[in-house]
Amino acid sequence: MGKGKSPTPEELEFIYRLLADGAGVSDVIDRYKNLDKYGKLGALPFRYDVRFMRQRRREFEAARRVLEQDFKRRADPVLVQHRTDHYKSLCEVLNRLINDLSTPVLGHLNLNRLESIQDFASRIGGYGWIYETMHEKKRREEQASITLRVERDKPLLWACLGSHLEAELPSFADRLTAWKRVVAEMIEKCHSAIGSIREEARKGIGLDFIEHWSEPGLSMRLINQVYEFAMKNYGKETEPQIHYDERPRPELIELWDSTSELVIGHREHIDACRKAYPGMMKKYANSEEVREILAKTEQVEALKKPFSEELVLIWHRATFEGTCQICQPWGAP
């Protein structure tokens, strides 16, 4: 066979390896002849056409020049340092992303001075979740979501990280968007439950909440205690273990549960709190609000699991696939 059919990748590898070892066109043809003579050609067709071999050598020489130039470029110490610094910056942003993907322990929150849902989101999420709503054209309604603080702090590097992650995890952006929306729903349900507890305590005890423990009113620690008990004991027949401590003041009384202040007021407020406090604990431990929070938490975990472990592996590896607007001029790694 002279020319025959086009060479397969395996045959090209065979020819190129001979050329790389310094063989000339005639040497390659002689190699074919020897293999054919001893019946060792195997799947290789018998080649004796000089023009065919010269064409393969031209291709090989062109490829070798390109590869040599690329190797020199990659070995350029300045470029190597640029890429190292770039990957280090990306790893810092990736670390913040991994931290933000960690679902907070929603059963233990500091609710002091917590008013808006934006405050709540910012406090519970990693480096800080930013709760926001946007108009969803398809549904013609407001769609809640969150923005990660790192997106606002490092917009350029965040965009670069997205480009690199998409090269390795093609569905990353869609999965992250879905996770953000469910996180926003979880935040809404937590904030709503806290609001319900707050309003019920205010009505049942007859006092408003105060920031400073110097006038009659309720402490936000009361909400903390009810909320934490409900989250920890949902669906259980657990009796609250309350250790009241009354601390008299001039004309007022402080009521504490262990180390948590509950209310400061007159006798009628103290008695009302003693009556309402354990009942609220048991009520919310069996409430639909808490069930929905726990369900959303499970959904958040399920959504992040497929890609969060891969992000950790990339962070440990400290290198990235693909290119971004910063490193694209340097070529592919």
C-alpha atoms as a PDB file:
ATOM      1  CA  MET A   1       0.000   0.000   0.000  1.00  0.00           C
ATOM      2  CA  GLY A   2       1.383   3.398  -0.954  1.00  0.00           C
ATOM      3  CA  LYS A   3      -0.895   6.173   0.283  1.00  0.00           C
ATOM      4  CA  GLY A   4      -3.992   4.264   1.256  1.00  0.00           C
ATOM      5  CA  LYS A   5      -6.435   5.671   3.728  1.00  0.00           C
ATOM      6  CA  SER A   6      -5.708   8.545   6.076  1.00  0.00           C
ATOM      7  CA  PRO A   7      -3.506   7.640   9.021  1.00  0.00           C
ATOM      8  CA  THR A   8      -5.127   6.845  12.338  1.00  0.00           C
ATOM      9  CA  PRO A   9      -4.049   8.606  15.556  1.00  0.00           C
ATOM     10  CA  GLU A  10      -2.161   5.445  16.524  1.00  0.00           C
ATOM     11  CA  GLU A  11      -0.234   5.416  13.232  1.00  0.00           C
ATOM     12  CA  LEU A  12       0.594   9.124  13.501  1.00  0.00           C
ATOM     13  CA  GLU A  13       1.918   8.529  16.996  1.00  0.00           C
ATOM     14  CA  PHE A  14       4.101   5.697  15.636  1.00  0.00           C
ATOM     15  CA  ILE A  15       5.495   7.887  12.837  1.00  0.00           C
ATOM     16  CA  TYR A  16       5.993  10.983  14.997  1.00  0.00           C
ATOM     17  CA  ARG A  17       7.841   8.982  17.653  1.00  0.00           C
ATOM     18  CA  LEU A  18      10.318   7.776  15.013  1.00  0.00           C
ATOM     19  CA  LEU A  19      10.783  11.323  13.685  1.00  0.00           C
ATOM     20  CA  ALA A  20      11.275  12.625  17.239  1.00  0.00           C
ATOM     21  CA  ASP A  21      14.071  10.066  17.683  1.00  0.00           C
ATOM     22  CA  GLY A  22      15.860  11.540  14.646  1.00  0.00           C
ATOM     23  CA  ALA A  23      14.689   9.185  11.896  1.00  0.00           C
ATOM     24  CA  GLY A  24      14.488  10.513   8.339  1.00  0.00           C
ATOM     25  CA  VAL A  25      11.810   9.749   5.741  1.00  0.00           C
ATOM     26  CA  SER A  26      13.739   6.760   4.338  1.00  0.00           C
ATOM     27  CA  ASP A  27      14.361   5.474   7.862  1.00  0.00           C
ATOM     28  CA  VAL A  28      10.643   5.480   8.612  1.00  0.00           C
ATOM     29  CA  ILE A  29       9.875   3.618   5.380  1.00  0.00           C
ATOM     30  CA  ASP A  30      12.603   1.068   6.194  1.00  0.00           C
ATOM     31  CA  ARG A  31      10.997   0.579   9.593  1.00  0.00           C
ATOM     32  CA  TYR A  32       7.694  -0.242   7.901  1.00  0.00           C
ATOM     33  CA  LYS A  33       9.461  -2.711   5.616  1.00  0.00           C
ATOM     34  CA  ASN A  34      11.138  -4.515   8.517  1.00  0.00           C
ATOM     35  CA  LEU A  35       7.872  -4.805  10.444  1.00  0.00           C
ATOM     36  CA  ASP A  36       6.129  -6.126   7.349  1.00  0.00           C
ATOM     37  CA  LYS A  37       8.935  -8.598   6.683  1.00  0.00           C
ATOM     38  CA  TYR A  38       8.595 -10.183  10.107  1.00  0.00           C
ATOM     39  CA  GLY A  39       4.794  -9.934  10.209  1.00  0.00           C
ATOM     40  CA  LYS A  40       4.733  -7.355  13.010  1.00  0.00           C
ATOM     41  CA  LEU A  41       2.829  -4.521  11.347  1.00  0.00           C
ATOM     42  CA  GLY A  42      -0.294  -5.435  13.261  1.00  0.00           C
ATOM     43  CA  ALA A  43      -2.993  -2.816  12.608  1.00  0.00           C
ATOM     44  CA  LEU A  44      -0.539  -0.556  10.769  1.00  0.00           C
ATOM     45  CA  PRO A  45      -0.936  -0.425   6.965  1.00  0.00           C
ATOM     46  CA  PHE A  46       2.209  -0.905   4.921  1.00  0.00           C
ATOM     47  CA  ARG A  47       3.503   2.522   3.833  1.00  0.00           C
ATOM     48  CA  TYR A  48       6.197   3.101   1.223  1.00  0.00           C
ATOM     49  CA  ASP A  49       5.110   6.386  -0.390  1.00  0.00           C
ATOM     50  CA  VAL A  50       7.820   9.043   0.044  1.00  0.00           C
ATOM     51  CA  ARG A  51       5.420  11.969  -0.472  1.00  0.00           C
ATOM     52  CA  PHE A  52       3.181  10.624   2.308  1.00  0.00           C
ATOM     53  CA  MET A  53       6.124  10.451   4.716  1.00  0.00           C
ATOM     54  CA  ARG A  54       7.395  13.918   3.752  1.00  0.00           C
ATOM     55  CA  GLN A  55       3.954  15.343   4.477  1.00  0.00           C
ATOM     56  CA  ARG A  56       3.967  13.683   7.888  1.00  0.00           C
ATOM     57  CA  ARG A  57       7.432  15.141   8.590  1.00  0.00           C
ATOM     58  CA  ARG A  58       6.279  18.666   7.639  1.00  0.00           C
ATOM     59  CA  GLU A  59       3.324  18.288  10.001  1.00  0.00           C
ATOM     60  CA  PHE A  60       5.595  16.996  12.738  1.00  0.00           C
ATOM     61  CA  GLU A  61       8.098  19.859  12.352  1.00  0.00           C
ATOM     62  CA  ALA A  62       5.307  22.458  12.442  1.00  0.00           C
ATOM     63  CA  ALA A  63       3.780  20.904  15.572  1.00  0.00           C
ATOM     64  CA  ARG A  64       7.175  20.708  17.258  1.00  0.00           C
ATOM     65  CA  ARG A  65       7.871  24.401  16.635  1.00  0.00           C
ATOM     66  CA  VAL A  66       4.522  25.361  18.134  1.00  0.00           C
ATOM     67  CA  LEU A  67       5.038  23.128  21.143  1.00  0.00           C
ATOM     68  CA  GLU A  68       8.562  24.427  21.728  1.00  0.00           C
ATOM     69  CA  GLN A  69       7.330  28.024  21.640  1.00  0.00           C
ATOM     70  CA  ASP A  70       4.501  27.153  23.992  1.00  0.00           C
ATOM     71  CA  PHE A  71       6.897  25.411  26.381  1.00  0.00           C
ATOM     72  CA  LYS A  72       9.200  28.446  26.435  1.00  0.00           C
ATOM     73  CA  ARG A  73       6.218  30.715  27.062  1.00  0.00           C
ATOM     74  CA  ARG A  74       4.974  28.563  29.934  1.00  0.00           C
ATOM     75  CA  ALA A  75       8.458  28.401  31.425  1.00  0.00           C
ATOM     76  CA  ASP A  76       8.836  32.197  31.371  1.00  0.00           C
ATOM     77  CA  PRO A  77       9.482  33.012  35.058  1.00  0.00           C
ATOM     78  CA  VAL A  78       7.549  36.277  34.838  1.00  0.00           C
ATOM     79  CA  LEU A  79       4.504  34.535  33.376  1.00  0.00           C
ATOM     80  CA  VAL A  80       4.795  31.704  35.906  1.00  0.00           C
ATOM     81  CA  GLN A  81       4.774  34.240  38.749  1.00  0.00           C
ATOM     82  CA  HIS A  82       1.795  36.079  37.256  1.00  0.00           C
ATOM     83  CA  ARG A  83      -0.186  32.863  37.062  1.00  0.00           C
ATOM     84  CA  THR A  84       0.848  31.835  40.585  1.00  0.00           C
ATOM     85  CA  ASP A  85      -0.300  35.177  42.005  1.00  0.00           C
ATOM     86  CA  HIS A  86      -3.532  34.980  40.009  1.00  0.00           C
ATOM     87  CA  TYR A  87      -4.341  31.503  41.310  1.00  0.00           C
ATOM     88  CA  LYS A  88      -3.579  32.639  44.851  1.00  0.00           C
ATOM     89  CA  SER A  89      -6.105  35.462  44.510  1.00  0.00           C
ATOM     90  CA  LEU A  90      -8.682  33.073  43.062  1.00  0.00           C
ATOM     91  CA  CYS A  91      -8.132  30.667  45.966  1.00  0.00           C
ATOM     92  CA  GLU A  92      -8.872  33.458  48.435  1.00  0.00           C
ATOM     93  CA  VAL A  93     -12.179  34.181  46.703  1.00  0.00           C
ATOM     94  CA  LEU A  94     -12.935  30.461  46.440  1.00  0.00           C
ATOM     95  CA  ASN A  95     -12.312  30.059  50.164  1.00  0.00           C
ATOM     96  CA  ARG A  96     -14.874  32.765  50.893  1.00  0.00           C
ATOM     97  CA  LEU A  97     -17.349  31.026  48.576  1.00  0.00           C
ATOM     98  CA  ILE A  98     -16.845  27.698  50.373  1.00  0.00           C
ATOM     99  CA  ASN A  99     -17.377  29.438  53.702  1.00  0.00           C
ATOM    100  CA  ASP A 100     -20.580  31.083  52.454  1.00  0.00           C
ATOM    101  CA  LEU A 101     -21.906  27.713  51.295  1.00  0.00           C
ATOM    102  CA  SER A 102     -21.750  26.429  54.874  1.00  0.00           C
ATOM    103  CA  THR A 103     -25.302  26.385  56.194  1.00  0.00           C
ATOM    104  CA  PRO A 104     -25.389  28.187  59.542  1.00  0.00           C
ATOM    105  CA  VAL A 105     -26.585  26.471  62.689  1.00  0.00           C
ATOM    106  CA  LEU A 106     -30.008  28.067  62.660  1.00  0.00           C
ATOM    107  CA  GLY A 107     -30.851  26.816  66.126  1.00  0.00           C
ATOM    108  CA  HIS A 108     -28.296  29.114  67.770  1.00  0.00           C
ATOM    109  CA  LEU A 109     -28.613  32.754  66.776  1.00  0.00           C
ATOM    110  CA  ASN A 110     -27.874  36.067  68.422  1.00  0.00           C
ATOM    111  CA  LEU A 111     -31.044  38.014  67.767  1.00  0.00           C
ATOM    112  CA  ASN A 112     -30.129  41.157  69.678  1.00  0.00           C
ATOM    113  CA  ARG A 113     -30.783  44.372  67.747  1.00  0.00           C
ATOM    114  CA  LEU A 114     -32.114  42.369  64.838  1.00  0.00           C
ATOM    115  CA  GLU A 115     -34.867  44.119  62.933  1.00  0.00           C
ATOM    116  CA  SER A 116     -34.986  43.692  59.166  1.00  0.00           C
ATOM    117  CA  ILE A 117     -34.705  40.534  57.099  1.00  0.00           C
ATOM    118  CA  GLN A 118     -31.594  42.065  55.518  1.00  0.00           C
ATOM    119  CA  ASP A 119     -30.001  42.301  58.984  1.00  0.00           C
ATOM    120  CA  PHE A 120     -30.890  38.673  59.613  1.00  0.00           C
ATOM    121  CA  ALA A 121     -29.396  37.457  56.325  1.00  0.00           C
ATOM    122  CA  SER A 122     -26.208  39.437  56.846  1.00  0.00           C
ATOM    123  CA  ARG A 123     -25.696  38.014  60.329  1.00  0.00           C
ATOM    124  CA  ILE A 124     -26.253  34.304  59.703  1.00  0.00           C
ATOM    125  CA  GLY A 125     -24.400  33.723  56.438  1.00  0.00           C
ATOM    126  CA  GLY A 126     -20.678  32.958  56.312  1.00  0.00           C
ATOM    127  CA  TYR A 127     -18.913  36.205  55.419  1.00  0.00           C
ATOM    128  CA  GLY A 128     -22.353  37.737  55.008  1.00  0.00           C
ATOM    129  CA  TRP A 129     -25.337  36.999  52.811  1.00  0.00           C
ATOM    130  CA  ILE A 130     -27.095  39.951  51.203  1.00  0.00           C
ATOM    131  CA  TYR A 131     -30.835  39.337  50.961  1.00  0.00           C
ATOM    132  CA  GLU A 132     -32.547  40.998  48.021  1.00  0.00           C
ATOM    133  CA  THR A 133     -35.510  40.674  45.738  1.00  0.00           C
ATOM    134  CA  MET A 134     -35.664  41.121  42.002  1.00  0.00           C
ATOM    135  CA  HIS A 135     -38.459  41.190  39.468  1.00  0.00           C
ATOM    136  CA  GLU A 136     -38.900  37.848  37.722  1.00  0.00           C
ATOM    137  CA  LYS A 137     -40.244  38.665  34.261  1.00  0.00           C
ATOM    138  CA  LYS A 138     -41.395  35.128  33.466  1.00  0.00           C
ATOM    139  CA  ARG A 139     -43.395  34.809  36.687  1.00  0.00           C
ATOM    140  CA  ARG A 140     -44.289  38.506  36.849  1.00  0.00           C
ATOM    141  CA  GLU A 141     -43.471  38.605  40.525  1.00  0.00           C
ATOM    142  CA  GLU A 142     -40.690  39.444  42.952  1.00  0.00           C
ATOM    143  CA  GLN A 143     -38.172  36.608  43.300  1.00  0.00           C
ATOM    144  CA  ALA A 144     -36.097  36.533  46.481  1.00  0.00           C
ATOM    145  CA  SER A 145     -32.447  35.557  46.317  1.00  0.00           C
ATOM    146  CA  ILE A 146     -29.175  36.317  48.039  1.00  0.00           C
ATOM    147  CA  THR A 147     -25.914  37.833  46.893  1.00  0.00           C
ATOM    148  CA  LEU A 148     -22.692  36.683  48.501  1.00  0.00           C
ATOM    149  CA  ARG A 149     -20.641  39.434  50.097  1.00  0.00           C
ATOM    150  CA  VAL A 150     -17.600  38.382  48.061  1.00  0.00           C
ATOM    151  CA  GLU A 151     -19.514  39.147  44.857  1.00  0.00           C
ATOM    152  CA  ARG A 152     -19.782  42.782  45.959  1.00  0.00           C
ATOM    153  CA  ASP A 153     -16.306  42.994  47.505  1.00  0.00           C
ATOM    154  CA  LYS A 154     -14.367  41.351  44.656  1.00  0.00           C
ATOM    155  CA  PRO A 155     -16.459  41.710  41.454  1.00  0.00           C
ATOM    156  CA  LEU A 156     -13.586  41.209  38.986  1.00  0.00           C
ATOM    157  CA  LEU A 157     -12.087  38.191  40.751  1.00  0.00           C
ATOM    158  CA  TRP A 158     -15.586  36.760  41.297  1.00  0.00           C
ATOM    159  CA  ALA A 159     -16.205  36.933  37.536  1.00  0.00           C
ATOM    160  CA  CYS A 160     -12.810  35.325  36.896  1.00  0.00           C
ATOM    161  CA  LEU A 161     -13.500  32.543  39.378  1.00  0.00           C
ATOM    162  CA  GLY A 162     -16.823  31.876  37.651  1.00  0.00           C
ATOM    163  CA  SER A 163     -15.079  31.525  34.274  1.00  0.00           C
ATOM    164  CA  HIS A 164     -12.577  29.033  35.649  1.00  0.00           C
ATOM    165  CA  LEU A 165     -15.174  27.005  37.552  1.00  0.00           C
ATOM    166  CA  GLU A 166     -17.470  26.824  34.522  1.00  0.00           C
ATOM    167  CA  ALA A 167     -14.588  25.275  32.569  1.00  0.00           C
ATOM    168  CA  GLU A 168     -14.444  22.439  35.095  1.00  0.00           C
ATOM    169  CA  LEU A 169     -18.004  22.382  36.490  1.00  0.00           C
ATOM    170  CA  PRO A 170     -20.276  23.394  33.588  1.00  0.00           C
ATOM    171  CA  SER A 171     -23.453  23.500  35.709  1.00  0.00           C
ATOM    172  CA  PHE A 172     -21.882  25.481  38.558  1.00  0.00           C
ATOM    173  CA  ALA A 173     -23.627  28.801  37.843  1.00  0.00           C
ATOM    174  CA  ASP A 174     -27.095  27.227  37.562  1.00  0.00           C
ATOM    175  CA  ARG A 175     -26.611  25.212  40.750  1.00  0.00           C
ATOM    176  CA  LEU A 176     -25.396  28.242  42.683  1.00  0.00           C
ATOM    177  CA  THR A 177     -28.402  30.279  41.513  1.00  0.00           C
ATOM    178  CA  ALA A 178     -30.801  27.542  42.647  1.00  0.00           C
ATOM    179  CA  TRP A 179     -29.019  27.327  46.014  1.00  0.00           C
ATOM    180  CA  LYS A 180     -29.256  31.102  46.510  1.00  0.00           C
ATOM    181  CA  ARG A 181     -32.991  31.127  45.938  1.00  0.00           C
ATOM    182  CA  VAL A 182     -33.660  28.332  48.420  1.00  0.00           C
ATOM    183  CA  VAL A 183     -31.396  30.054  50.960  1.00  0.00           C
ATOM    184  CA  ALA A 184     -33.521  33.192  50.543  1.00  0.00           C
ATOM    185  CA  GLU A 185     -36.649  31.131  51.199  1.00  0.00           C
ATOM    186  CA  MET A 186     -35.013  29.645  54.312  1.00  0.00           C
ATOM    187  CA  ILE A 187     -34.130  33.144  55.538  1.00  0.00           C
ATOM    188  CA  GLU A 188     -37.694  34.321  54.988  1.00  0.00           C
ATOM    189  CA  LYS A 189     -39.129  31.438  57.007  1.00  0.00           C
ATOM    190  CA  CYS A 190     -36.645  31.936  59.866  1.00  0.00           C
ATOM    191  CA  HIS A 191     -37.333  35.653  60.000  1.00  0.00           C
ATOM    192  CA  SER A 192     -41.087  35.057  59.859  1.00  0.00           C
ATOM    193  CA  ALA A 193     -40.966  32.564  62.754  1.00  0.00           C
ATOM    194  CA  ILE A 194     -38.909  34.969  64.850  1.00  0.00           C
ATOM    195  CA  GLY A 195     -41.425  37.707  64.094  1.00  0.00           C
ATOM    196  CA  SER A 196     -44.296  35.454  65.217  1.00  0.00           C
ATOM    197  CA  ILE A 197     -42.544  34.635  68.493  1.00  0.00           C
ATOM    198  CA  ARG A 198     -41.795  38.297  69.067  1.00  0.00           C
ATOM    199  CA  GLU A 199     -45.381  39.414  68.492  1.00  0.00           C
ATOM    200  CA  GLU A 200     -46.841  36.647  70.652  1.00  0.00           C
ATOM    201  CA  ALA A 201     -44.468  37.523  73.505  1.00  0.00           C
ATOM    202  CA  ARG A 202     -45.297  41.208  73.230  1.00  0.00           C
ATOM    203  CA  LYS A 203     -49.034  40.584  73.392  1.00  0.00           C
ATOM    204  CA  GLY A 204     -48.895  37.851  76.035  1.00  0.00           C
ATOM    205  CA  ILE A 205     -46.695  39.741  78.470  1.00  0.00           C
ATOM    206  CA  GLY A 206     -47.857  43.249  77.711  1.00  0.00           C
ATOM    207  CA  LEU A 207     -44.476  44.876  77.102  1.00  0.00           C
ATOM    208  CA  ASP A 208     -42.425  45.910  74.088  1.00  0.00           C
ATOM    209  CA  PHE A 209     -38.856  44.843  73.435  1.00  0.00           C
ATOM    210  CA  ILE A 210     -36.070  47.107  74.600  1.00  0.00           C
ATOM    211  CA  GLU A 211     -32.391  47.431  73.669  1.00  0.00           C
ATOM    212  CA  HIS A 212     -31.158  48.703  77.023  1.00  0.00           C
ATOM    213  CA  TRP A 213     -31.781  46.740  80.210  1.00  0.00           C
ATOM    214  CA  SER A 214     -32.756  49.842  82.188  1.00  0.00           C
ATOM    215  CA  GLU A 215     -36.498  50.256  81.678  1.00  0.00           C
ATOM    216  CA  PRO A 216     -39.568  48.000  81.643  1.00  0.00           C
ATOM    217  CA  GLY A 217     -39.601  45.734  78.623  1.00  0.00           C
ATOM    218  CA  LEU A 218     -38.724  42.395  77.069  1.00  0.00           C
ATOM    219  CA  SER A 219     -35.254  41.159  76.190  1.00  0.00           C
ATOM    220  CA  MET A 220     -34.516  39.679  72.784  1.00  0.00           C
ATOM    221  CA  ARG A 221     -32.948  36.803  74.709  1.00  0.00           C
ATOM    222  CA  LEU A 222     -36.495  35.668  75.405  1.00  0.00           C
ATOM    223  CA  ILE A 223     -36.983  35.136  71.670  1.00  0.00           C
ATOM    224  CA  ASN A 224     -33.598  33.424  71.477  1.00  0.00           C
ATOM    225  CA  GLN A 225     -34.587  30.971  74.190  1.00  0.00           C
ATOM    226  CA  VAL A 226     -37.963  30.123  72.633  1.00  0.00           C
ATOM    227  CA  TYR A 227     -36.528  29.858  69.121  1.00  0.00           C
ATOM    228  CA  GLU A 228     -33.549  27.706  70.132  1.00  0.00           C
ATOM    229  CA  PHE A 229     -35.705  25.345  72.179  1.00  0.00           C
ATOM    230  CA  ALA A 230     -38.169  24.939  69.291  1.00  0.00           C
ATOM    231  CA  MET A 231     -35.431  24.238  66.729  1.00  0.00           C
ATOM    232  CA  LYS A 232     -33.676  21.738  68.980  1.00  0.00           C
ATOM    233  CA  ASN A 233     -36.787  19.913  70.142  1.00  0.00           C
ATOM    234  CA  TYR A 234     -39.067  19.994  67.103  1.00  0.00           C
ATOM    235  CA  GLY A 235     -41.497  17.084  67.153  1.00  0.00           C
ATOM    236  CA  LYS A 236     -40.363  15.897  70.591  1.00  0.00           C
ATOM    237  CA  GLU A 237     -42.374  15.724  73.794  1.00  0.00           C
ATOM    238  CA  THR A 238     -39.684  17.587  75.700  1.00  0.00           C
ATOM    239  CA  GLU A 239     -40.547  19.695  78.712  1.00  0.00           C
ATOM    240  CA  PRO A 240     -38.636  22.992  78.934  1.00  0.00           C
ATOM    241  CA  GLN A 241     -36.097  23.024  81.749  1.00  0.00           C
ATOM    242  CA  ILE A 242     -36.515  26.531  83.122  1.00  0.00           C
ATOM    243  CA  HIS A 243     -34.588  27.941  86.076  1.00  0.00           C
ATOM    244  CA  TYR A 244     -36.192  31.232  87.005  1.00  0.00           C
ATOM    245  CA  ASP A 245     -34.314  33.850  88.948  1.00  0.00           C
ATOM    246  CA  GLU A 246     -36.036  37.020  90.146  1.00  0.00           C
ATOM    247  CA  ARG A 247     -33.769  39.980  90.834  1.00  0.00           C
ATOM    248  CA  PRO A 248     -35.491  42.876  92.616  1.00  0.00           C
ATOM    249  CA  ARG A 249     -34.768  46.460  91.593  1.00  0.00           C
ATOM    250  CA  PRO A 250     -36.188  49.707  92.943  1.00  0.00           C
ATOM    251  CA  GLU A 251     -39.842  49.512  91.839  1.00  0.00           C
ATOM    252  CA  LEU A 252     -39.038  46.847  89.203  1.00  0.00           C
ATOM    253  CA  ILE A 253     -38.138  43.155  89.010  1.00  0.00           C
ATOM    254  CA  GLU A 254     -35.800  41.364  86.596  1.00  0.00           C
ATOM    255  CA  LEU A 255     -36.742  37.823  85.545  1.00  0.00           C
ATOM    256  CA  TRP A 256     -33.961  35.572  84.280  1.00  0.00           C
ATOM    257  CA  ASP A 257     -33.803  32.025  82.962  1.00  0.00           C
ATOM    258  CA  SER A 258     -30.401  30.782  84.098  1.00  0.00           C
ATOM    259  CA  THR A 259     -28.015  33.288  82.470  1.00  0.00           C
ATOM    260  CA  SER A 260     -30.554  34.790  80.055  1.00  0.00           C
ATOM    261  CA  GLU A 261     -32.534  37.874  80.934  1.00  0.00           C
ATOM    262  CA  LEU A 262     -36.199  37.641  79.911  1.00  0.00           C
ATOM    263  CA  VAL A 263     -38.136  40.646  81.169  1.00  0.00           C
ATOM    264  CA  ILE A 264     -37.849  43.638  83.448  1.00  0.00           C
ATOM    265  CA  GLY A 265     -41.097  45.038  84.793  1.00  0.00           C
ATOM    266  CA  HIS A 266     -43.691  45.034  87.544  1.00  0.00           C
ATOM    267  CA  ARG A 267     -45.110  41.968  89.271  1.00  0.00           C
ATOM    268  CA  GLU A 268     -47.898  41.531  86.718  1.00  0.00           C
ATOM    269  CA  HIS A 269     -45.337  41.413  83.890  1.00  0.00           C
ATOM    270  CA  ILE A 270     -43.212  38.865  85.724  1.00  0.00           C
ATOM    271  CA  ASP A 271     -46.237  36.634  86.352  1.00  0.00           C
ATOM    272  CA  ALA A 272     -47.389  36.978  82.741  1.00  0.00           C
ATOM    273  CA  CYS A 273     -43.938  35.969  81.507  1.00  0.00           C
ATOM    274  CA  ARG A 274     -43.797  32.943  83.805  1.00  0.00           C
ATOM    275  CA  LYS A 275     -47.117  31.825  82.314  1.00  0.00           C
ATOM    276  CA  ALA A 276     -46.445  32.576  78.628  1.00  0.00           C
ATOM    277  CA  TYR A 277     -42.760  31.600  78.340  1.00  0.00           C
ATOM    278  CA  PRO A 278     -42.966  27.766  78.718  1.00  0.00           C
ATOM    279  CA  GLY A 279     -46.153  27.633  76.662  1.00  0.00           C
ATOM    280  CA  MET A 280     -44.465  29.415  73.758  1.00  0.00           C
ATOM    281  CA  MET A 281     -41.564  26.992  73.904  1.00  0.00           C
ATOM    282  CA  LYS A 282     -43.807  23.942  73.615  1.00  0.00           C
ATOM    283  CA  LYS A 283     -46.042  25.557  70.997  1.00  0.00           C
ATOM    284  CA  TYR A 284     -43.241  26.435  68.588  1.00  0.00           C
ATOM    285  CA  ALA A 285     -41.489  23.101  69.128  1.00  0.00           C
ATOM    286  CA  ASN A 286     -44.507  21.591  67.355  1.00  0.00           C
ATOM    287  CA  SER A 287     -45.199  24.409  64.910  1.00  0.00           C
ATOM    288  CA  GLU A 288     -45.503  24.391  61.147  1.00  0.00           C
ATOM    289  CA  GLU A 289     -43.087  27.339  61.011  1.00  0.00           C
ATOM    290  CA  VAL A 290     -40.225  25.332  62.510  1.00  0.00           C
ATOM    291  CA  ARG A 291     -41.023  22.287  60.368  1.00  0.00           C
ATOM    292  CA  GLU A 292     -40.726  24.434  57.240  1.00  0.00           C
ATOM    293  CA  ILE A 293     -37.416  25.943  58.394  1.00  0.00           C
ATOM    294  CA  LEU A 294     -35.924  22.499  58.951  1.00  0.00           C
ATOM    295  CA  ALA A 295     -37.225  21.298  55.573  1.00  0.00           C
ATOM    296  CA  LYS A 296     -35.644  24.272  53.816  1.00  0.00           C
ATOM    297  CA  THR A 297     -32.368  23.646  55.622  1.00  0.00           C
ATOM    298  CA  GLU A 298     -32.313  20.087  54.285  1.00  0.00           C
ATOM    299  CA  GLN A 299     -33.073  21.370  50.790  1.00  0.00           C
ATOM    300  CA  VAL A 300     -30.203  23.881  51.002  1.00  0.00           C
ATOM    301  CA  GLU A 301     -27.820  21.093  52.012  1.00  0.00           C
ATOM    302  CA  ALA A 302     -29.023  18.833  49.205  1.00  0.00           C
ATOM    303  CA  LEU A 303     -28.530  21.563  46.582  1.00  0.00           C
ATOM    304  CA  LYS A 304     -24.973  22.424  47.581  1.00  0.00           C
ATOM    305  CA  LYS A 305     -23.707  18.869  48.065  1.00  0.00           C
ATOM    306  CA  PRO A 306     -23.088  18.005  44.355  1.00  0.00           C
ATOM    307  CA  PHE A 307     -20.571  20.792  43.894  1.00  0.00           C
ATOM    308  CA  SER A 308     -19.343  21.941  47.323  1.00  0.00           C
ATOM    309  CA  GLU A 309     -17.002  18.974  47.746  1.00  0.00           C
ATOM    310  CA  GLU A 310     -15.555  19.576  44.287  1.00  0.00           C
ATOM    311  CA  LEU A 311     -14.894  23.213  45.205  1.00  0.00           C
ATOM    312  CA  VAL A 312     -12.944  22.098  48.264  1.00  0.00           C
ATOM    313  CA  LEU A 313     -10.824  19.783  46.093  1.00  0.00           C
ATOM    314  CA  ILE A 314     -10.087  22.634  43.657  1.00  0.00           C
ATOM    315  CA  TRP A 315      -9.139  24.881  46.575  1.00  0.00           C
ATOM    316  CA  HIS A 316      -6.688  22.265  47.907  1.00  0.00           C
ATOM    317  CA  ARG A 317      -5.297  21.754  44.410  1.00  0.00           C
ATOM    318  CA  ALA A 318      -4.819  25.538  44.047  1.00  0.00           C
ATOM    319  CA  THR A 319      -4.878  25.428  40.228  1.00  0.00           C
ATOM    320  CA  PHE A 320      -7.715  26.134  37.815  1.00  0.00           C
ATOM    321  CA  GLU A 321      -8.934  24.926  34.457  1.00  0.00           C
ATOM    322  CA  GLY A 322      -9.659  27.280  31.557  1.00  0.00           C
ATOM    323  CA  THR A 323      -8.960  30.998  31.345  1.00  0.00           C
ATOM    324  CA  CYS A 324     -10.589  34.265  32.374  1.00  0.00           C
ATOM    325  CA  GLN A 325     -10.364  37.902  31.319  1.00  0.00           C
ATOM    326  CA  ILE A 326      -7.188  38.330  33.356  1.00  0.00           C
ATOM    327  CA  CYS A 327      -5.223  35.236  32.356  1.00  0.00           C
ATOM    328  CA  GLN A 328      -6.597  34.727  28.822  1.00  0.00           C
ATOM    329  CA  PRO A 329      -3.656  36.634  27.233  1.00  0.00           C
ATOM    330  CA  TRP A 330      -1.262  34.191  28.919  1.00  0.00           C
ATOM    331  CA  GLY A 331      -2.860  31.232  27.168  1.00  0.00           C
ATOM    332  CA  ALA A 332      -4.310  28.051  28.601  1.00  0.00           C
ATOM    333  CA  PRO A 333      -2.431  26.607  31.611  1.00  0.00           C
END
